[in-house]
Amino acid sequence: MNYKNETLRNALAAEYVLGTLRGGARRRYQQLMMESQLITETTWMWEQYLNGLGQNVQPVEPPALVWQAIERQLGLAYDSADSNVVAMPAAKSSRPVVWQAIAGLATAAAIILAVVLMPATPPVKAPVTDIAVVTDAEAKPLWLIEISTSTLAVRTTANLTA
């Protein structure tokens, strides 16, 4: 989409601010806001505009009939006779305990197998950054010095005599 189009930017920003932009579109728009200053400014403008509209509206308490109609539509309405009915607790079964034990043992077995079967990786040796060779008067090497970012290794050669 061409997000430089002002009409598209305004429509997306308004939907985002109103909360009607959902799912993947909302996540993409949030990513766009992090990447584009223009998208962020457009969203901020719509937040200011819509929040300004809400400040002038006085809250109104709906009548009780409205709430009753909503409860009926949602299937939440009940008769007064239903209010005297008390539900009996379900009998406890030992089966959930058995399944929990089996799940626990399976998890423990999976962790043990993962630890045992996971190949051990050898430690990575730091790359040598500098090498120095100390020689004698005849230019025969005596010591080899290797310097890396974390180690200093000094090795003697066969030419070193005490």
Protein backbone atom coordinates (compact mmCIF):
# COMPACT_ATOMS: atom_id res chain seq x y z
CA MET A 1 0.00 0.00 0.00
CA ASN A 2 1.05 3.53 -0.59
CA TYR A 3 1.24 5.01 2.90
CA LYS A 4 2.13 8.41 1.42
CA ASN A 5 -1.52 8.71 0.34
CA GLU A 6 -3.10 11.08 2.86
CA THR A 7 -6.58 9.54 2.62
CA LEU A 8 -5.24 6.05 3.37
CA ARG A 9 -3.08 7.35 6.23
CA ASN A 10 -6.03 9.17 7.80
CA ALA A 11 -8.34 6.16 7.45
CA LEU A 12 -5.82 3.78 9.04
CA ALA A 13 -4.95 6.23 11.83
CA ALA A 14 -8.62 6.81 12.66
CA GLU A 15 -9.34 3.06 12.75
CA TYR A 16 -6.30 2.49 14.94
CA VAL A 17 -7.28 5.21 17.42
CA LEU A 18 -10.91 4.06 17.53
CA GLY A 19 -9.77 0.47 18.14
CA THR A 20 -11.45 -0.98 15.06
CA LEU A 21 -8.17 -1.94 13.35
CA ARG A 22 -7.65 -5.56 14.43
CA GLY A 23 -5.26 -8.49 14.17
CA GLY A 24 -2.46 -8.44 11.63
CA ALA A 25 -3.48 -5.05 10.28
CA ARG A 26 -3.13 -3.52 13.76
CA ARG A 27 0.32 -5.12 14.25
CA ARG A 28 1.48 -3.88 10.82
CA TYR A 29 0.23 -0.38 11.64
CA GLN A 30 2.11 -0.41 14.97
CA GLN A 31 5.25 -1.41 13.09
CA LEU A 32 4.65 1.41 10.60
CA MET A 33 4.33 3.90 13.46
CA MET A 34 7.79 2.85 14.69
CA GLU A 35 9.27 3.25 11.22
CA SER A 36 7.53 6.36 9.88
CA GLN A 37 7.38 9.75 11.54
CA LEU A 38 4.55 10.76 9.18
CA ILE A 39 2.38 7.81 10.29
CA THR A 40 3.12 8.61 13.94
CA GLU A 41 2.15 12.25 13.50
CA THR A 42 -1.07 11.31 11.68
CA THR A 43 -1.99 8.91 14.50
CA TRP A 44 -1.22 11.57 17.11
CA MET A 45 -3.44 14.07 15.25
CA TRP A 46 -6.36 11.61 15.24
CA GLU A 47 -5.85 10.87 18.95
CA GLN A 48 -6.03 14.59 19.72
CA TYR A 49 -9.11 15.05 17.54
CA LEU A 50 -11.07 12.07 18.86
CA ASN A 51 -10.08 12.62 22.50
CA GLY A 52 -11.25 16.21 22.17
CA LEU A 53 -14.68 15.00 21.06
CA GLY A 54 -15.00 12.72 24.08
CA GLN A 55 -14.26 15.49 26.57
CA ASN A 56 -17.48 17.34 25.74
CA VAL A 57 -19.79 14.32 26.11
CA GLN A 58 -21.66 13.91 29.41
CA PRO A 59 -22.11 10.33 30.68
CA VAL A 60 -25.68 9.00 30.50
CA GLU A 61 -26.96 6.13 32.65
CA PRO A 62 -29.10 3.81 30.48
CA PRO A 63 -32.53 2.84 31.83
CA ALA A 64 -32.96 -0.54 33.56
CA LEU A 65 -35.01 -1.82 30.60
CA VAL A 66 -31.96 -1.47 28.36
CA TRP A 67 -29.86 -3.62 30.69
CA GLN A 68 -32.60 -6.24 30.90
CA ALA A 69 -32.84 -6.39 27.10
CA ILE A 70 -29.06 -6.84 26.86
CA GLU A 71 -29.18 -9.66 29.42
CA ARG A 72 -31.96 -11.40 27.47
CA GLN A 73 -30.03 -11.12 24.19
CA LEU A 74 -26.91 -12.54 25.80
CA GLY A 75 -28.83 -15.32 27.52
CA LEU A 76 -28.03 -13.98 30.98
CA ALA A 77 -31.61 -13.32 32.07
CA TYR A 78 -32.98 -15.68 34.71
CA ASP A 79 -36.27 -16.19 36.53
CA SER A 80 -36.67 -15.66 40.26
CA ALA A 81 -37.38 -19.41 40.64
CA ASP A 82 -33.90 -20.14 39.27
CA SER A 83 -32.29 -18.09 42.02
CA ASN A 84 -33.32 -20.68 44.65
CA VAL A 85 -31.55 -23.55 42.86
CA VAL A 86 -28.18 -24.45 44.32
CA ALA A 87 -25.70 -26.39 42.22
CA MET A 88 -24.18 -29.50 43.75
CA PRO A 89 -20.40 -29.74 43.53
CA ALA A 90 -19.18 -32.38 41.12
CA ALA A 91 -17.82 -35.57 42.62
CA LYS A 92 -14.06 -35.63 42.67
CA SER A 93 -12.47 -38.13 40.36
CA SER A 94 -9.02 -39.63 40.68
CA ARG A 95 -8.52 -39.56 36.92
CA PRO A 96 -7.19 -35.98 36.74
CA VAL A 97 -4.55 -36.89 39.32
CA VAL A 98 -3.49 -39.88 37.23
CA TRP A 99 -3.22 -37.75 34.10
CA GLN A 100 -1.27 -35.08 35.98
CA ALA A 101 1.18 -37.72 37.19
CA ILE A 102 1.58 -39.13 33.68
CA ALA A 103 2.13 -35.64 32.26
CA GLY A 104 4.72 -34.88 34.95
CA LEU A 105 6.63 -38.10 34.27
CA ALA A 106 6.54 -37.48 30.51
CA THR A 107 7.89 -33.96 31.02
CA ALA A 108 10.69 -35.21 33.28
CA ALA A 109 11.59 -37.93 30.76
CA ALA A 110 11.68 -35.38 27.93
CA ILE A 111 14.00 -33.09 29.91
CA ILE A 112 16.33 -35.96 30.81
CA LEU A 113 16.45 -37.15 27.18
CA ALA A 114 17.13 -33.62 25.97
CA VAL A 115 20.07 -33.26 28.36
CA VAL A 116 21.50 -36.71 27.65
CA LEU A 117 21.08 -36.69 23.87
CA MET A 118 22.08 -33.08 23.25
CA PRO A 119 25.54 -33.08 21.68
CA ALA A 120 28.15 -31.34 23.77
CA THR A 121 29.72 -28.54 21.80
CA PRO A 122 33.42 -28.00 22.42
CA PRO A 123 34.34 -24.54 23.64
CA VAL A 124 35.19 -22.18 20.84
CA LYS A 125 38.80 -21.09 20.93
CA ALA A 126 39.25 -17.35 20.69
CA PRO A 127 40.81 -16.33 17.38
CA VAL A 128 44.44 -15.35 17.56
CA THR A 129 44.83 -11.66 16.89
CA ASP A 130 48.62 -11.22 17.25
CA ILE A 131 51.60 -13.58 17.06
CA ALA A 132 55.15 -12.87 18.18
CA VAL A 133 58.21 -15.10 17.74
CA VAL A 134 61.20 -14.58 20.01
CA THR A 135 64.43 -15.74 18.36
CA ASP A 136 68.02 -16.15 19.45
CA ALA A 137 71.08 -14.51 17.89
CA GLU A 138 71.09 -17.09 15.09
CA ALA A 139 67.41 -16.36 14.25
CA LYS A 140 66.24 -19.71 15.59
CA PRO A 141 62.78 -19.48 17.20
CA LEU A 142 62.76 -19.87 20.99
CA TRP A 143 59.23 -18.86 22.01
CA LEU A 144 55.93 -18.51 20.18
CA ILE A 145 53.59 -15.95 21.77
CA GLU A 146 49.91 -15.90 20.71
CA ILE A 147 47.69 -13.04 21.85
CA SER A 148 43.90 -13.10 21.49
CA THR A 149 41.17 -10.94 22.97
CA SER A 150 40.94 -13.06 26.12
CA THR A 151 44.15 -15.12 26.35
CA LEU A 152 47.91 -14.90 26.19
CA ALA A 153 49.71 -18.16 25.31
CA VAL A 154 53.48 -18.60 25.42
CA ARG A 155 54.99 -21.82 23.98
CA THR A 156 58.57 -22.92 23.88
CA THR A 157 60.18 -24.47 20.83
CA ALA A 158 62.67 -27.32 20.51
CA ASN A 159 65.48 -24.80 20.04
CA LEU A 160 65.19 -23.50 23.64
CA THR A 161 68.02 -24.85 25.79
CA ALA A 162 68.48 -24.14 29.43
